[in-house]
Amino acid sequence: MNTTEFTPAQLAAYIDHTLLKPDASAAQIEQLCAEAREYNFFSVCVNGAWVAAARHWLDGSDVKVVSVVGFPLGAMASDVKRYETEVAIDDGAHELDVVLNVARLKAGDDKYVFRELCDVVEAADERTVKVILETCLLTDEEKIRACKLVVESGAQFVKTSTGFSTAGATVADVKLMRETVGSKFGVKASGGVRDAQTALAMITSGATRLGTSNGIAMVKGLTGGGAY
């Protein structure tokens, strides 16, 4: 993909405008939504408690609402993830970003991981499901196994990171994920994507969505691409 002629508006369409801090206030979530409207970001990504409010503040716009599920550790019971998915949908979420059970994957319990993902996909009722692998905790072999399980589960995206662990997205991980899932599957780079140069590097490497709290700086920092 040629990113040299990307406009700010084209970059904005990749961005899940994100605020997942535990102390985020109602005023900050409302501001997040207002910014997403102004810059035409693809979505806002929030914790489940803010989904209904975000839908309200985005009413009448094309901006989607993404809810995280099992965030940030992914280590809760599968039934809890399923229920959290159902509640998020009831509150108006268009997409779900669910954290994979890292320990189960590392233990080789692929059957457990697959069943859990299938349960979440079923509960999502045809909404887009992105599965967070937390790549900084995985070997390349584990990343490949995880990607294959996500594809088989019926989810629509693999995602690099929560942004709450030891590291975030890397170009190498995005390339590996893209190679594993194929050309038509979603790949979201998240965690440490803070400027336009990094964003374009992730897109060039195969990312089709970007999770960031720095979307405004990204689109303003994009040069040579015309007016927003």
Protein backbone atom coordinates (compact mmCIF):
# COMPACT_ATOMS: atom_id res chain seq x y z
CA MET A 1 0.00 0.00 0.00
CA ASN A 2 1.27 3.44 -0.96
CA THR A 3 0.96 5.63 2.12
CA THR A 4 2.95 8.58 0.76
CA GLU A 5 -0.21 10.27 -0.48
CA PHE A 6 -2.39 9.49 2.55
CA THR A 7 -4.62 12.40 3.52
CA PRO A 8 -5.43 13.12 7.16
CA ALA A 9 -9.03 12.06 6.47
CA GLN A 10 -7.88 8.70 5.11
CA LEU A 11 -5.72 8.12 8.18
CA ALA A 12 -8.58 9.10 10.49
CA ALA A 13 -10.71 6.34 8.98
CA TYR A 14 -8.27 3.76 10.37
CA ILE A 15 -8.41 5.03 13.94
CA ASP A 16 -10.23 3.64 16.97
CA HIS A 17 -10.01 6.76 19.20
CA THR A 18 -9.28 5.19 22.55
CA LEU A 19 -9.68 6.02 26.24
CA LEU A 20 -9.39 3.02 28.57
CA LYS A 21 -7.83 4.53 31.69
CA PRO A 22 -9.54 3.30 34.87
CA ASP A 23 -10.01 6.87 36.14
CA ALA A 24 -11.49 8.26 32.91
CA SER A 25 -14.35 10.62 33.78
CA ALA A 26 -17.68 11.18 32.07
CA ALA A 27 -16.42 14.54 30.85
CA GLN A 28 -13.37 12.91 29.29
CA ILE A 29 -15.47 10.27 27.52
CA GLU A 30 -17.80 12.96 26.23
CA GLN A 31 -14.76 14.87 24.93
CA LEU A 32 -13.46 11.68 23.29
CA CYS A 33 -16.75 11.35 21.43
CA ALA A 34 -16.75 15.01 20.40
CA GLU A 35 -13.22 14.62 19.01
CA ALA A 36 -14.22 11.48 17.13
CA ARG A 37 -17.09 13.39 15.52
CA GLU A 38 -14.85 16.33 14.60
CA TYR A 39 -12.08 14.26 13.05
CA ASN A 40 -14.29 11.50 11.61
CA PHE A 41 -12.44 8.70 13.37
CA PHE A 42 -13.73 5.21 12.67
CA SER A 43 -14.76 4.66 16.27
CA VAL A 44 -14.27 5.35 19.93
CA CYS A 45 -12.97 2.48 22.07
CA VAL A 46 -14.08 2.55 25.72
CA ASN A 47 -14.57 0.35 28.74
CA GLY A 48 -17.93 -1.35 29.02
CA ALA A 49 -19.28 1.04 31.65
CA TRP A 50 -19.16 3.87 29.09
CA VAL A 51 -20.71 2.15 26.07
CA ALA A 52 -24.26 3.45 26.57
CA ALA A 53 -23.03 6.99 27.25
CA ALA A 54 -20.78 6.91 24.19
CA ARG A 55 -23.68 5.79 22.00
CA HIS A 56 -25.69 8.73 23.34
CA TRP A 57 -22.92 11.27 22.70
CA LEU A 58 -22.35 9.89 19.20
CA ASP A 59 -26.01 9.75 18.25
CA GLY A 60 -26.53 10.90 14.67
CA SER A 61 -22.90 10.38 13.65
CA ASP A 62 -21.21 7.58 11.70
CA VAL A 63 -18.66 6.97 14.48
CA LYS A 64 -18.86 3.43 15.89
CA VAL A 65 -18.59 2.42 19.55
CA VAL A 66 -16.11 -0.30 20.46
CA SER A 67 -16.22 -1.98 23.87
CA VAL A 68 -13.33 -3.91 25.35
CA VAL A 69 -14.13 -7.32 26.88
CA GLY A 70 -12.05 -9.20 29.43
CA PHE A 71 -9.80 -6.18 29.65
CA PRO A 72 -6.90 -5.91 30.26
CA LEU A 73 -5.78 -9.36 31.44
CA GLY A 74 -8.11 -11.77 29.65
CA ALA A 75 -7.82 -14.15 32.60
CA MET A 76 -11.41 -14.26 33.81
CA ALA A 77 -13.82 -17.17 33.29
CA SER A 78 -15.15 -17.69 29.77
CA ASP A 79 -18.74 -17.20 30.91
CA VAL A 80 -17.81 -13.77 32.25
CA LYS A 81 -16.42 -12.74 28.86
CA ARG A 82 -19.56 -13.98 27.17
CA TYR A 83 -21.82 -12.08 29.55
CA GLU A 84 -19.70 -8.93 29.24
CA THR A 85 -20.08 -9.20 25.46
CA GLU A 86 -23.86 -9.53 25.75
CA VAL A 87 -24.13 -6.50 28.05
CA ALA A 88 -21.93 -4.39 25.78
CA ILE A 89 -24.18 -5.21 22.83
CA ASP A 90 -27.30 -4.44 24.85
CA ASP A 91 -25.73 -1.05 25.67
CA GLY A 92 -25.11 -0.36 21.99
CA ALA A 93 -21.58 -1.54 21.13
CA HIS A 94 -20.93 -2.01 17.43
CA GLU A 95 -17.65 -3.90 17.92
CA LEU A 96 -15.93 -5.88 20.70
CA ASP A 97 -12.19 -6.03 21.47
CA VAL A 98 -11.72 -9.14 23.62
CA VAL A 99 -8.51 -10.15 25.36
CA LEU A 100 -7.41 -13.71 24.63
CA ASN A 101 -6.56 -15.97 27.59
CA VAL A 102 -2.78 -15.70 27.32
CA ALA A 103 -1.96 -18.27 30.01
CA ARG A 104 -4.18 -20.93 28.43
CA LEU A 105 -2.58 -20.31 25.03
CA LYS A 106 0.94 -20.52 26.46
CA ALA A 107 0.00 -23.75 28.23
CA GLY A 108 -0.99 -25.27 24.88
CA ASP A 109 -4.67 -25.46 25.77
CA ASP A 110 -5.83 -24.44 22.31
CA LYS A 111 -9.15 -26.21 22.75
CA TYR A 112 -10.03 -23.94 25.69
CA VAL A 113 -8.94 -20.80 23.85
CA PHE A 114 -10.88 -21.75 20.74
CA ARG A 115 -14.05 -22.59 22.65
CA GLU A 116 -13.91 -19.31 24.54
CA LEU A 117 -13.44 -17.31 21.36
CA CYS A 118 -16.31 -19.12 19.68
CA ASP A 119 -18.53 -18.30 22.67
CA VAL A 120 -17.67 -14.60 22.41
CA VAL A 121 -18.23 -14.56 18.64
CA GLU A 122 -21.61 -16.23 19.11
CA ALA A 123 -22.57 -13.75 21.84
CA ALA A 124 -21.47 -10.87 19.61
CA ASP A 125 -24.36 -11.75 17.28
CA GLU A 126 -22.59 -10.81 14.04
CA ARG A 127 -20.87 -7.71 15.45
CA THR A 128 -17.17 -7.36 14.64
CA VAL A 129 -14.94 -9.13 17.16
CA LYS A 130 -11.26 -8.22 17.47
CA VAL A 131 -9.11 -10.55 19.56
CA ILE A 132 -6.23 -9.00 21.51
CA LEU A 133 -3.26 -11.37 21.57
CA GLU A 134 -0.94 -9.33 23.85
CA THR A 135 1.94 -10.11 21.52
CA CYS A 136 4.64 -8.87 23.91
CA LEU A 137 3.95 -11.93 26.08
CA LEU A 138 4.04 -14.47 23.24
CA THR A 139 6.67 -16.23 21.16
CA ASP A 140 6.33 -16.07 17.39
CA GLU A 141 5.04 -19.65 17.39
CA GLU A 142 2.39 -18.70 19.95
CA LYS A 143 1.39 -15.63 17.92
CA ILE A 144 0.90 -17.82 14.85
CA ARG A 145 -1.15 -20.37 16.79
CA ALA A 146 -3.26 -17.60 18.28
CA CYS A 147 -3.91 -16.02 14.89
CA LYS A 148 -5.04 -19.33 13.45
CA LEU A 149 -7.42 -19.91 16.37
CA VAL A 150 -8.89 -16.43 15.94
CA VAL A 151 -9.52 -16.98 12.23
CA GLU A 152 -11.12 -20.37 12.89
CA SER A 153 -13.34 -18.95 15.65
CA GLY A 154 -15.24 -16.68 13.28
CA ALA A 155 -13.85 -13.41 14.69
CA GLN A 156 -12.92 -10.67 12.23
CA PHE A 157 -9.65 -9.18 13.57
CA VAL A 158 -6.47 -10.01 15.40
CA LYS A 159 -5.13 -7.17 17.52
CA THR A 160 -1.62 -6.78 18.88
CA SER A 161 -1.93 -5.35 22.37
CA THR A 162 -3.94 -3.91 25.22
CA GLY A 163 -1.47 -1.09 25.79
CA PHE A 164 -1.41 -2.10 29.47
CA SER A 165 1.32 -4.78 29.36
CA THR A 166 5.09 -4.65 28.90
CA ALA A 167 5.07 -3.39 25.29
CA GLY A 168 2.75 -2.51 22.43
CA ALA A 169 2.55 -3.01 18.68
CA THR A 170 5.62 -3.60 16.54
CA VAL A 171 6.00 -3.62 12.78
CA ALA A 172 7.43 -7.15 12.99
CA ASP A 173 4.36 -8.44 14.85
CA VAL A 174 1.95 -6.76 12.44
CA LYS A 175 3.78 -8.33 9.50
CA LEU A 176 3.72 -11.77 11.14
CA MET A 177 0.03 -11.48 11.95
CA ARG A 178 -0.79 -10.35 8.41
CA GLU A 179 1.19 -13.22 6.90
CA THR A 180 -0.62 -15.69 9.15
CA VAL A 181 -4.22 -14.52 8.74
CA GLY A 182 -4.03 -13.74 5.02
CA SER A 183 -4.84 -10.66 3.00
CA LYS A 184 -8.55 -10.26 3.77
CA PHE A 185 -8.61 -10.62 7.58
CA GLY A 186 -8.50 -7.62 9.92
CA VAL A 187 -5.30 -6.68 11.76
CA LYS A 188 -5.35 -3.96 14.42
CA ALA A 189 -2.16 -2.37 15.71
CA SER A 190 -2.55 -0.94 19.20
CA GLY A 191 -0.24 0.17 21.99
CA GLY A 192 2.51 2.68 21.36
CA VAL A 193 1.10 3.98 18.07
CA ARG A 194 1.53 7.66 18.84
CA ASP A 195 2.49 9.53 15.66
CA ALA A 196 1.76 9.63 11.94
CA GLN A 197 5.05 8.01 10.94
CA THR A 198 4.42 5.00 13.20
CA ALA A 199 0.81 4.79 12.05
CA LEU A 200 1.78 4.68 8.39
CA ALA A 201 4.47 2.07 9.12
CA MET A 202 1.84 -0.14 10.74
CA ILE A 203 -0.52 0.30 7.78
CA THR A 204 2.26 -0.48 5.32
CA SER A 205 3.01 -3.63 7.32
CA GLY A 206 -0.59 -4.83 7.07
CA ALA A 207 -2.67 -3.09 9.74
CA THR A 208 -6.24 -2.26 8.74
CA ARG A 209 -7.13 -0.55 12.01
CA LEU A 210 -5.17 1.47 14.58
CA GLY A 211 -5.95 1.77 18.28
CA THR A 212 -4.59 4.97 19.79
CA SER A 213 -5.27 7.82 22.18
CA ASN A 214 -3.12 10.07 19.98
CA GLY A 215 -5.29 10.16 16.87
CA ILE A 216 -5.58 13.95 16.76
CA ALA A 217 -1.79 14.40 16.83
CA MET A 218 -1.49 11.74 14.12
CA VAL A 219 -3.81 13.38 11.63
CA LYS A 220 -2.41 16.84 12.36
CA GLY A 221 1.12 15.48 11.96
CA LEU A 222 0.45 14.01 8.55
CA THR A 223 2.11 16.24 5.96
CA GLY A 224 2.00 16.38 2.21
CA GLY A 225 -1.41 14.79 2.03
CA GLY A 226 -3.70 17.72 1.45
CA ALA A 227 -6.22 19.44 3.69
CA TYR A 228 -8.26 17.60 6.27
